[in-house]
Protein backbone atom coordinates (compact mmCIF):
# COMPACT_ATOMS: atom_id res chain seq x y z
CA MET A 1 0.03 -0.02 0.01
CA PRO A 2 1.37 3.50 -0.81
CA THR A 3 2.54 5.43 2.24
CA GLY A 4 0.14 8.33 1.64
CA ILE A 5 -2.88 6.04 1.57
CA LYS A 6 -1.77 4.24 4.71
CA GLY A 7 -1.42 7.54 6.57
CA LYS A 8 -4.89 8.55 5.55
CA ASP A 9 -6.22 5.18 6.69
CA ASP A 10 -4.63 5.75 10.12
CA ASN A 11 -6.37 9.07 10.37
CA GLN A 12 -9.72 7.41 9.75
CA LYS A 13 -9.48 5.20 12.86
CA LEU A 14 -12.32 5.15 15.42
CA GLY A 15 -11.93 5.63 19.22
CA LEU A 16 -13.93 4.05 22.06
CA LEU A 17 -16.63 6.75 22.09
CA ALA A 18 -17.14 6.45 18.33
CA LEU A 19 -17.35 2.64 18.58
CA VAL A 20 -19.92 2.86 21.43
CA ALA A 21 -21.90 5.35 19.39
CA ILE A 22 -21.91 2.95 16.44
CA VAL A 23 -23.16 0.07 18.59
CA VAL A 24 -25.90 2.18 20.27
CA SER A 25 -26.82 3.88 16.99
CA SER A 26 -27.05 0.53 15.18
CA MET A 27 -29.23 -0.99 17.90
CA ILE A 28 -31.38 1.99 18.85
CA GLY A 29 -32.58 2.88 15.40
CA SER A 30 -35.90 2.70 13.65
CA GLY A 31 -37.11 -0.20 15.76
CA VAL A 32 -37.06 1.49 19.17
CA ASP A 33 -39.68 4.15 18.41
CA GLY A 34 -42.12 1.55 17.13
CA LEU A 35 -41.60 -0.80 20.06
CA PRO A 36 -44.78 -0.04 22.10
CA GLN A 37 -47.12 -0.94 19.27
CA ASN A 38 -44.93 -3.73 17.76
CA MET A 39 -44.50 -5.52 21.11
CA ALA A 40 -48.16 -5.06 22.12
CA ALA A 41 -49.65 -6.07 18.73
CA ASN A 42 -50.48 -9.62 19.88
CA SER A 43 -49.17 -9.73 23.47
CA GLU A 44 -49.84 -8.46 26.97
CA VAL A 45 -47.21 -7.01 29.29
CA GLY A 46 -46.24 -10.32 30.98
CA PRO A 47 -45.37 -12.16 27.74
CA VAL A 48 -43.64 -9.03 26.42
CA ALA A 49 -41.46 -8.93 29.51
CA ILE A 50 -40.58 -12.62 29.12
CA ALA A 51 -39.83 -12.11 25.39
CA TRP A 52 -37.32 -9.41 26.36
CA LEU A 53 -35.82 -11.64 29.06
CA ILE A 54 -35.35 -14.46 26.56
CA CYS A 55 -33.93 -12.18 23.84
CA GLY A 56 -31.85 -10.13 26.28
CA PHE A 57 -30.42 -13.31 27.87
CA GLY A 58 -29.59 -14.84 24.53
CA MET A 59 -28.15 -11.64 23.08
CA PHE A 60 -26.04 -11.15 26.20
CA PHE A 61 -24.21 -14.36 25.32
CA ILE A 62 -24.02 -13.43 21.66
CA SER A 63 -22.43 -10.11 22.70
CA ARG A 64 -20.14 -11.97 25.15
CA THR A 65 -19.11 -14.24 22.28
CA PHE A 66 -18.02 -11.17 20.28
CA ILE A 67 -16.26 -9.71 23.26
CA ILE A 68 -14.36 -12.89 23.96
CA LEU A 69 -13.40 -13.41 20.32
CA SER A 70 -12.28 -9.82 19.91
CA ASN A 71 -10.09 -10.14 22.97
CA ILE A 72 -8.46 -13.48 22.15
CA ARG A 73 -8.31 -12.96 18.35
CA PRO A 74 -7.78 -9.19 17.84
CA ASP A 75 -5.86 -10.15 14.67
CA LEU A 76 -9.15 -11.17 13.01
CA GLN A 77 -10.49 -7.82 11.78
CA THR A 78 -14.12 -7.45 10.67
CA GLY A 79 -14.83 -10.48 12.91
CA ILE A 80 -18.38 -11.25 11.78
CA TYR A 81 -16.93 -12.64 8.55
CA THR A 82 -13.42 -13.77 9.54
CA TYR A 83 -14.51 -15.84 12.54
CA THR A 84 -16.49 -18.08 10.21
CA GLN A 85 -13.65 -18.27 7.69
CA GLN A 86 -11.17 -19.31 10.36
CA GLY A 87 -13.52 -21.96 11.78
CA PHE A 88 -15.39 -23.37 8.86
CA GLY A 89 -13.73 -22.36 5.62
CA ALA A 90 -14.22 -19.93 2.74
CA PHE A 91 -17.63 -21.08 1.47
CA CYS A 92 -19.37 -20.88 4.86
CA ALA A 93 -17.69 -17.52 5.37
CA PHE A 94 -19.04 -16.32 2.06
CA ILE A 95 -22.61 -17.41 2.99
CA VAL A 96 -22.32 -15.56 6.31
CA ALA A 97 -20.86 -12.44 4.70
CA TRP A 98 -23.51 -12.45 1.97
CA GLY A 99 -26.36 -12.98 4.47
CA TYR A 100 -25.00 -10.27 6.76
CA TRP A 101 -24.61 -7.91 3.84
CA LEU A 102 -28.20 -8.55 2.80
CA MET A 103 -29.27 -7.84 6.38
CA THR A 104 -27.58 -4.45 6.36
CA ILE A 105 -29.20 -3.64 2.99
CA PHE A 106 -32.73 -4.61 4.20
CA SER A 107 -32.14 -2.77 7.46
CA ASN A 108 -31.15 0.43 5.70
CA VAL A 109 -34.26 0.27 3.54
CA ALA A 110 -36.31 -0.26 6.69
CA PHE A 111 -34.75 2.95 8.06
CA GLY A 112 -35.86 4.74 4.89
CA ILE A 113 -39.43 3.49 5.32
CA MET A 114 -39.52 4.76 8.88
CA VAL A 115 -38.14 8.17 7.81
CA MET A 116 -40.84 8.56 5.22
CA ASP A 117 -43.58 7.38 7.61
CA THR A 118 -42.37 9.96 10.12
CA LEU A 119 -42.24 12.72 7.55
CA ASN A 120 -45.93 12.09 7.02
CA TYR A 121 -46.47 13.77 10.43
CA PHE A 122 -44.94 17.01 9.11
CA ILE A 123 -46.34 16.71 5.53
CA PRO A 124 -49.62 14.77 5.96
CA GLY A 125 -50.73 12.49 3.13
CA ASP A 126 -47.53 12.52 1.07
CA PHE A 127 -45.52 9.80 2.76
CA ARG A 128 -48.05 7.54 4.51
CA GLY A 129 -46.96 3.93 4.75
CA GLY A 130 -43.44 4.66 3.44
CA ASN A 131 -44.13 2.73 0.23
CA ASN A 132 -45.79 5.19 -2.15
CA ILE A 133 -44.05 6.92 -5.10
CA THR A 134 -43.16 10.00 -3.06
CA SER A 135 -41.59 7.83 -0.38
CA VAL A 136 -39.61 5.80 -2.98
CA ILE A 137 -38.12 9.03 -4.37
CA GLY A 138 -37.38 10.31 -0.82
CA VAL A 139 -35.66 7.06 0.29
CA SER A 140 -33.65 6.94 -2.95
CA ILE A 141 -32.32 10.44 -2.36
CA LEU A 142 -31.21 9.46 1.18
CA VAL A 143 -29.60 6.21 0.03
CA TRP A 144 -27.30 8.09 -2.32
CA GLY A 145 -26.81 10.97 0.15
CA PHE A 146 -25.37 8.55 2.75
CA ASN A 147 -23.36 6.87 0.00
CA PHE A 148 -21.51 10.12 -0.70
CA LEU A 149 -21.18 11.00 2.99
CA VAL A 150 -19.47 7.69 3.89
CA LEU A 151 -17.30 8.01 0.77
CA SER A 152 -15.88 11.20 2.40
CA GLY A 153 -14.24 9.03 5.09
CA THR A 154 -15.04 6.88 8.14
CA LYS A 155 -13.74 9.38 10.70
CA LEU A 156 -16.03 12.19 9.55
CA ALA A 157 -19.02 9.79 9.44
CA GLY A 158 -18.07 8.51 12.94
CA LYS A 159 -18.01 12.04 14.41
CA ILE A 160 -21.44 12.78 12.90
CA ASP A 161 -22.71 9.50 14.33
CA ILE A 162 -21.58 10.47 17.88
CA VAL A 163 -23.62 13.66 17.71
CA GLY A 164 -26.58 11.79 16.22
CA THR A 165 -26.45 9.12 18.97
CA ILE A 166 -26.58 11.72 21.77
CA ALA A 167 -29.33 13.64 20.06
CA LYS A 168 -31.46 10.51 19.55
CA LEU A 169 -31.29 9.49 23.22
CA ILE A 170 -32.67 12.80 24.55
CA PRO A 171 -36.29 12.36 23.30
CA LEU A 172 -36.27 8.71 24.45
CA ILE A 173 -35.11 9.71 27.96
CA VAL A 174 -37.91 12.30 28.10
CA PHE A 175 -40.40 9.63 27.00
CA ILE A 176 -39.22 7.30 29.75
CA PHE A 177 -39.33 9.95 32.50
CA ILE A 178 -42.86 11.05 31.50
CA LEU A 179 -44.19 7.50 31.54
CA VAL A 180 -42.47 6.71 34.87
CA TYR A 181 -44.17 9.82 36.33
CA LEU A 182 -47.60 8.91 34.96
CA LEU A 183 -47.29 5.12 35.57
CA ASN A 184 -50.51 3.49 36.83
CA VAL A 185 -49.60 0.30 38.63
CA THR A 186 -53.22 -0.91 38.51
CA GLU A 187 -53.26 -0.48 34.70
CA ILE A 188 -50.03 -2.47 34.18
CA THR A 189 -51.08 -5.35 36.52
CA SER A 190 -54.79 -5.70 35.63
CA ASN A 191 -54.27 -8.17 32.78
CA ILE A 192 -50.63 -9.29 32.85
CA TRP A 193 -51.10 -12.52 30.85
CA GLY A 194 -53.97 -11.39 28.58
CA ASN A 195 -56.47 -13.81 30.11
CA ASN A 196 -58.48 -11.71 32.59
CA PRO A 197 -62.13 -12.79 31.96
CA SER A 198 -63.52 -9.56 33.45
CA LEU A 199 -61.94 -7.40 30.73
CA PRO A 200 -63.53 -7.13 27.26
CA GLN A 201 -60.88 -7.90 24.67
CA GLU A 202 -59.97 -10.10 21.74
CA HIS A 203 -58.43 -13.43 22.63
CA LEU A 204 -54.63 -13.07 22.41
CA GLY A 205 -53.86 -16.76 22.40
CA SER A 206 -51.67 -18.83 24.68
CA VAL A 207 -48.95 -17.25 26.78
CA PHE A 208 -46.35 -19.08 24.66
CA SER A 209 -47.70 -17.64 21.43
CA GLN A 210 -47.73 -14.19 23.01
CA ILE A 211 -44.08 -14.64 23.95
CA THR A 212 -42.95 -15.79 20.51
CA SER A 213 -44.98 -13.22 18.63
CA PRO A 214 -42.72 -10.19 19.44
CA LEU A 215 -39.39 -12.05 19.41
CA ASP A 216 -38.53 -11.00 15.85
CA VAL A 217 -39.07 -7.37 16.86
CA ALA A 218 -36.86 -7.83 19.97
CA LEU A 219 -34.13 -9.47 17.86
CA TRP A 220 -34.34 -6.69 15.34
CA CYS A 221 -33.57 -4.18 18.11
CA PHE A 222 -30.49 -6.14 19.12
CA ILE A 223 -29.10 -6.29 15.61
CA GLY A 224 -26.10 -4.00 15.71
CA VAL A 225 -24.54 -5.34 18.94
CA GLU A 226 -21.75 -6.58 16.72
CA GLY A 227 -21.26 -3.14 15.11
CA ALA A 228 -17.92 -2.51 16.81
CA VAL A 229 -16.73 -5.99 15.79
CA ALA A 230 -17.80 -5.35 12.17
CA LEU A 231 -15.72 -2.16 12.20
CA SER A 232 -12.84 -3.58 14.24
CA GLY A 233 -10.49 -3.02 11.34
CA ARG A 234 -11.13 0.70 11.82
CA ALA A 235 -10.54 0.74 15.65
CA LYS A 236 -7.63 2.78 17.04
CA ASN A 237 -7.24 0.23 19.86
CA LYS A 238 -8.44 -3.33 19.31
CA LYS A 239 -9.18 -3.64 23.09
CA ASP A 240 -11.87 -0.94 22.66
CA VAL A 241 -13.94 -3.29 20.54
CA GLY A 242 -15.02 -5.55 23.47
CA LYS A 243 -15.58 -2.54 25.75
CA ALA A 244 -17.74 -0.78 23.19
CA THR A 245 -19.80 -3.94 22.56
CA PHE A 246 -20.62 -4.40 26.25
CA ILE A 247 -21.36 -0.69 26.96
CA GLY A 248 -23.52 -0.37 23.86
CA PHE A 249 -25.40 -3.57 24.68
CA VAL A 250 -26.24 -2.50 28.22
CA ILE A 251 -27.42 1.01 27.22
CA SER A 252 -29.58 -0.33 24.39
CA LEU A 253 -31.12 -3.17 26.45
CA VAL A 254 -32.24 -0.87 29.25
CA VAL A 255 -33.73 1.69 26.89
CA CYS A 256 -35.59 -0.95 24.83
CA ILE A 257 -37.12 -2.74 27.86
CA LEU A 258 -38.33 0.50 29.47
CA ILE A 259 -39.86 1.74 26.20
CA SER A 260 -41.69 -1.58 25.71
CA ILE A 261 -43.01 -2.10 29.26
CA LEU A 262 -43.81 1.38 30.58
CA PRO A 263 -46.62 2.14 28.00
CA PHE A 264 -48.69 -0.66 29.50
CA GLY A 265 -48.88 1.54 32.61
CA VAL A 266 -50.68 4.38 30.78
CA MET A 267 -52.71 2.55 28.10
CA THR A 268 -54.26 -0.86 27.56
CA GLN A 269 -52.89 -3.55 25.24
CA LYS A 270 -55.75 -3.00 22.84
CA GLU A 271 -55.08 0.75 22.66
CA LEU A 272 -51.37 0.24 22.18
CA SER A 273 -51.84 -2.34 19.46
CA VAL A 274 -53.50 0.16 17.09
CA ILE A 275 -51.28 3.23 17.63
CA PRO A 276 -49.79 4.36 14.26
CA THR A 277 -46.00 4.38 13.68
CA PRO A 278 -43.99 5.67 15.42
CA SER A 279 -46.01 4.57 18.43
CA THR A 280 -43.88 6.45 21.01
CA ALA A 281 -45.12 9.66 19.39
CA GLY A 282 -48.75 8.50 19.52
CA ILE A 283 -48.44 7.63 23.22
CA LEU A 284 -47.00 11.02 24.18
CA LYS A 285 -49.71 12.73 22.12
CA VAL A 286 -52.32 10.93 24.27
CA VAL A 287 -50.65 11.60 27.67
CA VAL A 288 -49.15 15.11 27.25
CA GLY A 289 -50.46 16.54 23.97
CA GLU A 290 -49.09 17.69 20.60
CA TRP A 291 -45.72 18.91 21.84
CA GLY A 292 -44.84 15.37 22.97
CA GLU A 293 -45.74 13.93 19.58
CA MET A 294 -43.63 16.55 17.78
CA LEU A 295 -40.64 15.97 20.15
CA ILE A 296 -40.67 12.22 19.40
CA ASN A 297 -41.09 12.64 15.67
CA ILE A 298 -38.10 15.00 15.52
CA GLY A 299 -36.20 12.44 17.66
CA VAL A 300 -37.22 9.62 15.29
CA LEU A 301 -35.78 11.45 12.31
CA ILE A 302 -32.47 12.06 14.13
CA SER A 303 -32.44 8.50 15.49
CA VAL A 304 -33.14 6.77 12.20
CA LEU A 305 -30.79 8.97 10.14
CA SER A 306 -28.02 8.35 12.67
CA SER A 307 -28.61 4.58 12.60
CA TRP A 308 -28.77 4.63 8.82
CA LEU A 309 -25.33 6.34 8.78
CA ALA A 310 -23.86 3.73 11.15
CA TRP A 311 -25.29 0.84 9.12
CA THR A 312 -24.08 2.33 5.81
CA MET A 313 -20.56 2.32 7.32
CA ILE A 314 -20.96 -1.32 8.43
CA CYS A 315 -22.58 -2.30 5.10
CA ALA A 316 -19.43 -1.39 3.14
CA GLU A 317 -17.02 -3.15 5.48
CA ILE A 318 -18.33 -6.73 5.15
CA PRO A 319 -17.91 -7.25 1.41
CA MET A 320 -14.58 -5.39 1.56
CA ALA A 321 -13.26 -7.85 4.21
CA ALA A 322 -14.59 -10.84 2.22
CA ALA A 323 -12.83 -9.49 -0.89
CA GLN A 324 -9.54 -9.07 0.99
CA ASN A 325 -9.78 -12.76 1.92
CA GLY A 326 -10.73 -13.95 -1.55
CA THR A 327 -14.38 -15.00 -1.19
CA PHE A 328 -15.83 -11.81 -2.80
CA PRO A 329 -14.37 -10.48 -6.05
CA LYS A 330 -11.15 -8.50 -5.38
CA SER A 331 -12.64 -5.33 -6.78
CA PHE A 332 -14.79 -5.06 -3.59
CA ALA A 333 -11.58 -4.44 -1.58
CA ARG A 334 -10.75 -1.17 -3.33
CA LYS A 335 -10.64 2.02 -1.23
CA ASN A 336 -10.72 5.64 -2.29
CA ASP A 337 -8.21 8.27 -1.25
CA LYS A 338 -10.21 8.85 1.98
CA GLY A 339 -9.86 5.19 3.00
CA ALA A 340 -13.53 4.41 2.38
CA ALA A 341 -14.48 1.04 0.89
CA SER A 342 -15.69 2.70 -2.29
CA VAL A 343 -16.57 -0.26 -4.55
CA SER A 344 -18.37 -2.06 -1.70
CA LEU A 345 -20.25 1.08 -0.86
CA TRP A 346 -21.37 1.68 -4.46
CA ALA A 347 -22.48 -1.96 -4.81
CA SER A 348 -24.37 -1.69 -1.46
CA SER A 349 -26.12 1.49 -2.52
CA ILE A 350 -27.18 -0.05 -5.87
CA LEU A 351 -28.67 -3.09 -4.14
CA MET A 352 -30.47 -0.80 -1.63
CA GLN A 353 -31.93 1.12 -4.57
CA LEU A 354 -33.30 -2.11 -6.07
CA VAL A 355 -34.89 -3.09 -2.76
CA VAL A 356 -36.39 0.36 -2.44
CA LEU A 357 -38.10 -0.11 -5.79
CA MET A 358 -39.45 -3.49 -4.62
CA VAL A 359 -40.87 -1.86 -1.50
CA TYR A 360 -43.35 0.07 -3.69
CA PHE A 361 -45.15 -3.21 -4.35
CA SER A 362 -45.20 -4.37 -0.67
CA SER A 363 -48.38 -3.97 1.40
CA ASN A 364 -46.52 -3.93 4.73
CA ALA A 365 -42.99 -2.94 3.81
CA TRP A 366 -41.85 -2.15 7.32
CA LEU A 367 -42.64 -5.54 8.90
CA ALA A 368 -41.26 -7.39 5.86
CA MET A 369 -37.93 -5.59 6.06
CA LEU A 370 -37.78 -6.11 9.84
CA ALA A 371 -38.46 -9.87 9.62
CA ILE A 372 -36.01 -10.54 6.76
CA SER A 373 -33.28 -8.50 8.46
CA ALA A 374 -33.72 -10.39 11.75
CA LEU A 375 -33.42 -13.77 9.99
CA THR A 376 -30.52 -13.02 7.63
CA VAL A 377 -28.33 -11.95 10.56
CA LEU A 378 -28.78 -15.29 12.41
CA PRO A 379 -26.25 -17.25 10.27
CA ALA A 380 -23.57 -14.70 11.30
CA TYR A 381 -24.43 -15.02 14.98
CA LEU A 382 -24.70 -18.83 14.82
CA MET A 383 -21.33 -19.30 13.08
CA SER A 384 -19.55 -16.88 15.40
CA THR A 385 -20.78 -18.72 18.48
CA ALA A 386 -19.97 -22.07 16.76
CA TYR A 387 -16.39 -20.87 16.05
CA LEU A 388 -15.89 -19.99 19.78
CA CYS A 389 -17.31 -23.38 20.71
CA LYS A 390 -14.92 -25.10 18.27
CA LEU A 391 -11.94 -23.27 19.75
CA CYS A 392 -12.90 -24.46 23.24
CA ILE A 393 -13.69 -28.08 22.34
CA THR A 394 -10.55 -28.65 20.24
CA GLY A 395 -8.32 -27.05 22.86
CA GLU A 396 -7.19 -24.37 20.41
CA TYR A 397 -8.53 -21.73 22.81
CA LYS A 398 -5.46 -22.11 25.05
CA LYS A 399 -3.24 -21.00 22.19
CA TYR A 400 -4.79 -17.53 22.41
CA ALA A 401 -5.73 -17.24 26.15
CA PRO A 402 -4.48 -19.22 29.18
CA ASN A 403 -7.71 -18.82 31.19
CA GLY A 404 -11.45 -18.67 30.64
CA ARG A 405 -12.04 -21.70 28.42
CA LYS A 406 -14.98 -23.08 30.41
CA THR A 407 -16.72 -19.73 30.57
CA ALA A 408 -16.20 -19.28 26.83
CA LEU A 409 -17.60 -22.76 26.16
CA VAL A 410 -20.74 -22.09 28.18
CA THR A 411 -21.12 -18.69 26.49
CA SER A 412 -20.89 -20.22 23.02
CA LEU A 413 -23.27 -23.10 23.77
CA ILE A 414 -25.97 -20.76 25.11
CA GLY A 415 -25.49 -18.50 22.10
CA ILE A 416 -25.94 -21.48 19.72
CA ILE A 417 -29.07 -22.61 21.55
CA PHE A 418 -30.51 -19.09 21.38
CA CYS A 419 -29.90 -18.79 17.65
CA LEU A 420 -31.62 -22.10 17.00
CA PHE A 421 -34.54 -21.09 19.19
CA MET A 422 -34.97 -17.86 17.18
CA VAL A 423 -35.10 -19.88 14.00
CA TYR A 424 -37.78 -22.09 15.54
CA ALA A 425 -39.80 -19.09 16.78
CA SER A 426 -39.65 -17.20 13.41
CA GLU A 427 -42.55 -16.71 11.05
CA VAL A 428 -42.45 -19.52 8.45
CA LYS A 429 -42.97 -17.39 5.32
CA TYR A 430 -39.91 -15.26 6.05
CA LEU A 431 -37.82 -18.17 7.33
CA ALA A 432 -38.44 -20.02 4.03
CA MET A 433 -37.07 -17.07 2.08
CA VAL A 434 -33.68 -17.23 3.81
CA PRO A 435 -32.06 -20.17 1.91
CA ILE A 436 -33.26 -18.67 -1.39
CA LEU A 437 -31.77 -15.29 -0.53
CA LEU A 438 -28.50 -16.91 0.51
CA THR A 439 -28.28 -18.90 -2.72
CA LEU A 440 -28.64 -15.69 -4.79
CA GLY A 441 -25.09 -14.74 -3.81
CA LEU A 442 -23.48 -17.86 -5.37
CA PRO A 443 -22.52 -16.15 -8.69
CA LEU A 444 -20.29 -13.74 -6.69
CA PHE A 445 -18.48 -16.63 -4.99
CA ILE A 446 -18.04 -18.55 -8.26
CA PHE A 447 -16.71 -15.45 -9.98
CA ALA A 448 -14.19 -14.80 -7.16
CA ARG A 449 -13.00 -18.46 -7.25
CA ILE A 450 -12.56 -18.58 -11.05
CA LYS A 451 -11.31 -15.12 -11.92
CA ASP A 452 -9.48 -13.97 -8.82
CA SER A 453 -8.23 -17.23 -7.31
CA GLY A 454 -7.84 -19.18 -10.54
CA GLU A 455 -9.00 -22.43 -8.90
CA ARG A 456 -10.19 -25.24 -11.18
CA ASN A 457 -12.38 -26.85 -8.53
CA ILE A 458 -14.80 -24.13 -7.54
CA PHE A 459 -16.18 -26.08 -4.57
CA GLN A 460 -14.12 -28.30 -2.27
CA PRO A 461 -15.68 -31.68 -1.24
CA GLU A 462 -16.96 -30.33 2.10
CA GLU A 463 -18.22 -27.15 0.44
CA MET A 464 -20.03 -29.22 -2.19
CA LYS A 465 -21.99 -31.06 0.58
CA PHE A 466 -23.10 -27.70 2.01
CA LEU A 467 -24.03 -26.45 -1.48
CA ILE A 468 -26.16 -29.52 -2.14
CA PHE A 469 -27.91 -29.09 1.17
CA LEU A 470 -28.64 -25.41 0.38
CA ILE A 471 -30.05 -26.22 -3.06
CA VAL A 472 -32.26 -28.98 -1.62
CA LEU A 473 -33.62 -26.43 0.86
CA ASP A 474 -34.25 -24.04 -2.02
CA LEU A 475 -36.19 -26.62 -3.97
CA PHE A 476 -38.19 -27.66 -0.95
CA THR A 477 -39.15 -24.07 0.06
CA GLY A 478 -39.83 -23.19 -3.58
CA PHE A 479 -42.25 -26.11 -3.81
CA LEU A 480 -44.02 -24.92 -0.62
CA PHE A 481 -44.41 -21.45 -2.06
CA LEU A 482 -45.64 -22.70 -5.46
CA ASN A 483 -48.38 -24.92 -4.01
CA ASP A 484 -49.50 -22.19 -1.58
CA THR A 485 -48.47 -24.18 1.53
CA ILE A 486 -46.58 -21.05 2.48
CA LYS A 487 -48.10 -17.76 1.43
CA LEU A 488 -46.38 -14.35 1.36
């Protein structure tokens, strides 16, 4: 690398505060302001609390996995991808990188939908639903605006993200304090499990179904806990990666739980379930008036735009890291004179634009983007925990750290169980789309193997077994879609 470019790369490094801001900004994004309605849509306060306990417990061990791996293997930059490559080979690493890349793309489009829906408050009628022609144009402008901002360099984008993260937390803190002050204990305890016969309401189903219903939403809010790990190659100090992950996780968990539970103390489940997006604004309008609604809507715009910026930064890093290791085409590894992953960023923005155009034909674009994002991130979480588990079982862990193997093993096993449970609890129609979406990336892998690596055998024997399994899954799910066993 030329000396001048290297010096510019060093100037683009991120400190602890910037890394924490990226984690918090990635997690507390468009999802948090819709939590009251999303969590209460089919569930009472008791099941909602249990859903958060399950997801919080599982994601604690996922975050601990990333902290442990970043501490014992600081040499593996952009860990989400490289952990899988180290543990399970190039093809599995490609599938994880492709799936994670898709997740960032769908997440960014979800941010755009929320921005347009929020703008409808200020300009009524023009942006309702986030999927009309005006919204498509608006989201497209923002996609390319963030593209050019991140092209200007990671350090500048990181500084803007710090300011955005602080600004987004202020309205949420105001929301929490107001609801704590107005909290009615009788209201929150009158129908904890949704089965009080004295209260007129629609049947919400079993407690278990009420618990599983909001799990995708909860998982969506935790996506981003790995933000510091994904940008570890940009960190000034590799030890800051683990610290930023833990601090960001705790801040985000506390905020999300309070915003989900406290509204049950001022409104009923039935009332919460029909509040329009963003529901935090609708709640404050009911309890304090128009000024509260305006405060939250301004906060939502800042929050979502800040998260969108953080995710655009992450979005470009994954294909760049994969290209540097040979599983994406080498062109994705190119950087501009500001040190930004320019080719990866342009490719990401083009794919986002295509998804934005598809959103126009979706009846519930927000929930679709949310569900797909939550599921496409699971392979990355599962393979990272599996890699830590492999290090512990094979004894390789001791090569990198003399102590902590048993704790690391327990952490990885709980993380694996949590990922598998989230697959089980997911909505079938979105789960069935995952293998098909993952298979769509195969041409990139084949191109990289043939053109960049020059290998005659595109797939190794073990990789071929995984490929066959993936294709069989595609055929099976495709059959289920075609005969209407699964309906979109």
